[in-house]
Each structure stands twice: as C-alpha cells, then as structure tokens.
C-alpha cells in the first residue's frame, strides 16, 4: 500500500528485548510489503515510523504471542506501544 498525503506515521522505539521478539517472529509479516525486512534491519537505537497498516500487522503477530509466548511480558509491552501508536494516529 502506498501512503497518501493524509496518512500519518506513528513513531515507535523498541527496546532490545522487544526488538528481539519481533525479529524472531518477522517471518509472520511476509505479506506486509517489506515490514519483515524493516523489522529485521532495526537496531533499537532510534524511533521508527509505522503507518496504521504496519501497526495492524504488528498487532496480529503480537496478539498471537501474548496467548502462547513464554515472553508474554515483553509481548505485552510491545502491544502497549502499538496501542499508543494507534492513539497517536487517531488523535491527529
């Protein structure tokens, strides 16, 4: 999907353990137009922008991990950051 002029990016910074969890599960993001590569290339040193459709994909991956993962605490933190991103996008 190509962003339009009214599409807003939400800036999110993931901590090292959160990023590791996302990178281990980036294979689940293969249908998201390069999101899997973007996640794999992140280093966690700065914020990165996500559009609402990116957040949708991340939310799907994380919601599955919250139910089954041994890293439930980390998945919960990522879910909160995704929710904050949604709130930022909807607030503007």
C-alpha atoms as a PDB file:
ATOM      1  CA  UNK A   1       0.000   0.000   0.000  1.00  0.00           C
ATOM      2  CA  UNK A   2       1.313   3.423  -0.883  1.00  0.00           C
ATOM      3  CA  UNK A   3       0.828   6.137   1.749  1.00  0.00           C
ATOM      4  CA  UNK A   4      -1.415   9.020   0.826  1.00  0.00           C
ATOM      5  CA  UNK A   5      -0.899  12.660   1.705  1.00  0.00           C
ATOM      6  CA  UNK A   6      -3.172  12.347   4.754  1.00  0.00           C
ATOM      7  CA  UNK A   7      -1.612   9.162   6.145  1.00  0.00           C
ATOM      8  CA  UNK A   8       0.187   9.665   9.429  1.00  0.00           C
ATOM      9  CA  UNK A   9       3.178   7.768  10.792  1.00  0.00           C
ATOM     10  CA  UNK A  10       3.398   6.862  14.452  1.00  0.00           C
ATOM     11  CA  UNK A  11       6.938   6.909  15.835  1.00  0.00           C
ATOM     12  CA  UNK A  12       7.796   3.882  17.996  1.00  0.00           C
ATOM     13  CA  UNK A  13      11.066   2.913  19.654  1.00  0.00           C
ATOM     14  CA  UNK A  14      11.502  -0.704  20.669  1.00  0.00           C
ATOM     15  CA  UNK A  15      13.831  -1.819  23.458  1.00  0.00           C
ATOM     16  CA  UNK A  16      16.353  -4.582  22.760  1.00  0.00           C
ATOM     17  CA  UNK A  17      14.248  -7.435  24.171  1.00  0.00           C
ATOM     18  CA  UNK A  18      11.115  -6.206  22.378  1.00  0.00           C
ATOM     19  CA  UNK A  19      13.006  -5.907  19.114  1.00  0.00           C
ATOM     20  CA  UNK A  20      14.460  -9.389  19.526  1.00  0.00           C
ATOM     21  CA  UNK A  21      10.963 -10.836  19.970  1.00  0.00           C
ATOM     22  CA  UNK A  22       9.707  -9.034  16.843  1.00  0.00           C
ATOM     23  CA  UNK A  23      12.735 -10.091  14.801  1.00  0.00           C
ATOM     24  CA  UNK A  24      12.308 -13.722  15.843  1.00  0.00           C
ATOM     25  CA  UNK A  25       8.736 -13.559  14.555  1.00  0.00           C
ATOM     26  CA  UNK A  26       9.232 -11.368  11.481  1.00  0.00           C
ATOM     27  CA  UNK A  27       8.551 -14.413   9.287  1.00  0.00           C
ATOM     28  CA  UNK A  28       4.871 -13.902  10.163  1.00  0.00           C
ATOM     29  CA  UNK A  29       4.972 -10.465   8.482  1.00  0.00           C
ATOM     30  CA  UNK A  30       5.881 -11.593   4.963  1.00  0.00           C
ATOM     31  CA  UNK A  31       2.647 -10.304   3.390  1.00  0.00           C
ATOM     32  CA  UNK A  32       3.182  -6.771   4.688  1.00  0.00           C
ATOM     33  CA  UNK A  33       5.088  -5.105   1.860  1.00  0.00           C
ATOM     34  CA  UNK A  34       8.563  -5.165   3.382  1.00  0.00           C
ATOM     35  CA  UNK A  35       7.645  -4.823   7.054  1.00  0.00           C
ATOM     36  CA  UNK A  36       9.514  -8.045   7.810  1.00  0.00           C
ATOM     37  CA  UNK A  37      12.716  -6.594   6.296  1.00  0.00           C
ATOM     38  CA  UNK A  38      12.231  -3.309   8.133  1.00  0.00           C
ATOM     39  CA  UNK A  39      11.866  -5.122  11.458  1.00  0.00           C
ATOM     40  CA  UNK A  40      14.895  -7.324  10.732  1.00  0.00           C
ATOM     41  CA  UNK A  41      17.017  -4.239   9.979  1.00  0.00           C
ATOM     42  CA  UNK A  42      16.087  -2.302  13.131  1.00  0.00           C
ATOM     43  CA  UNK A  43      18.782  -1.817  15.743  1.00  0.00           C
ATOM     44  CA  UNK A  44      16.699  -0.230  18.501  1.00  0.00           C
ATOM     45  CA  UNK A  45      18.755   2.957  18.629  1.00  0.00           C
ATOM     46  CA  UNK A  46      16.101   5.329  17.314  1.00  0.00           C
ATOM     47  CA  UNK A  47      12.383   5.647  16.748  1.00  0.00           C
ATOM     48  CA  UNK A  48      10.919   4.311  13.547  1.00  0.00           C
ATOM     49  CA  UNK A  49       7.697   5.360  11.832  1.00  0.00           C
ATOM     50  CA  UNK A  50       4.830   2.967  11.228  1.00  0.00           C
ATOM     51  CA  UNK A  51       1.622   3.577   9.307  1.00  0.00           C
ATOM     52  CA  UNK A  52      -1.681   2.177  10.563  1.00  0.00           C
ATOM     53  CA  UNK A  53      -1.437  -0.877   8.277  1.00  0.00           C
ATOM     54  CA  UNK A  54       2.030  -1.644   9.685  1.00  0.00           C
ATOM     55  CA  UNK A  55       0.610  -1.429  13.199  1.00  0.00           C
ATOM     56  CA  UNK A  56      -2.220  -3.774  12.143  1.00  0.00           C
ATOM     57  CA  UNK A  57       0.301  -6.407  11.115  1.00  0.00           C
ATOM     58  CA  UNK A  58       2.405  -5.968  14.257  1.00  0.00           C
ATOM     59  CA  UNK A  59      -0.737  -6.237  16.368  1.00  0.00           C
ATOM     60  CA  UNK A  60      -1.694  -9.543  14.736  1.00  0.00           C
ATOM     61  CA  UNK A  61       1.737 -11.019  15.367  1.00  0.00           C
ATOM     62  CA  UNK A  62       1.909  -9.772  18.956  1.00  0.00           C
ATOM     63  CA  UNK A  63      -1.641 -10.847  19.838  1.00  0.00           C
ATOM     64  CA  UNK A  64      -0.694 -14.406  18.936  1.00  0.00           C
ATOM     65  CA  UNK A  65       2.464 -14.172  21.030  1.00  0.00           C
ATOM     66  CA  UNK A  66       0.551 -12.827  24.023  1.00  0.00           C
ATOM     67  CA  UNK A  67      -1.512 -16.016  24.085  1.00  0.00           C
ATOM     68  CA  UNK A  68       1.250 -18.562  23.533  1.00  0.00           C
ATOM     69  CA  UNK A  69       4.622 -16.985  24.160  1.00  0.00           C
ATOM     70  CA  UNK A  70       6.928 -17.605  27.061  1.00  0.00           C
ATOM     71  CA  UNK A  71       7.822 -13.919  26.590  1.00  0.00           C
ATOM     72  CA  UNK A  72       4.321 -12.714  27.462  1.00  0.00           C
ATOM     73  CA  UNK A  73       5.632  -9.731  29.461  1.00  0.00           C
ATOM     74  CA  UNK A  74       7.678  -8.479  26.506  1.00  0.00           C
ATOM     75  CA  UNK A  75       4.770  -9.075  24.117  1.00  0.00           C
ATOM     76  CA  UNK A  76       2.505  -7.072  26.444  1.00  0.00           C
ATOM     77  CA  UNK A  77       4.940  -4.124  26.364  1.00  0.00           C
ATOM     78  CA  UNK A  78       5.064  -4.222  22.565  1.00  0.00           C
ATOM     79  CA  UNK A  79       1.252  -4.345  22.465  1.00  0.00           C
ATOM     80  CA  UNK A  80       1.093  -1.197  24.626  1.00  0.00           C
ATOM     81  CA  UNK A  81       3.457   0.613  22.253  1.00  0.00           C
ATOM     82  CA  UNK A  82       1.348  -0.445  19.276  1.00  0.00           C
ATOM     83  CA  UNK A  83      -1.773   0.847  21.032  1.00  0.00           C
ATOM     84  CA  UNK A  84      -0.010   4.171  21.717  1.00  0.00           C
ATOM     85  CA  UNK A  85       0.815   4.350  18.005  1.00  0.00           C
ATOM     86  CA  UNK A  86      -2.848   3.826  17.101  1.00  0.00           C
ATOM     87  CA  UNK A  87      -3.877   6.537  19.555  1.00  0.00           C
ATOM     88  CA  UNK A  88      -1.356   8.960  18.028  1.00  0.00           C
ATOM     89  CA  UNK A  89      -2.665   8.307  14.519  1.00  0.00           C
ATOM     90  CA  UNK A  90      -6.314   8.652  15.528  1.00  0.00           C
ATOM     91  CA  UNK A  91      -5.613  11.759  17.597  1.00  0.00           C
ATOM     92  CA  UNK A  92      -4.451  13.751  14.580  1.00  0.00           C
END
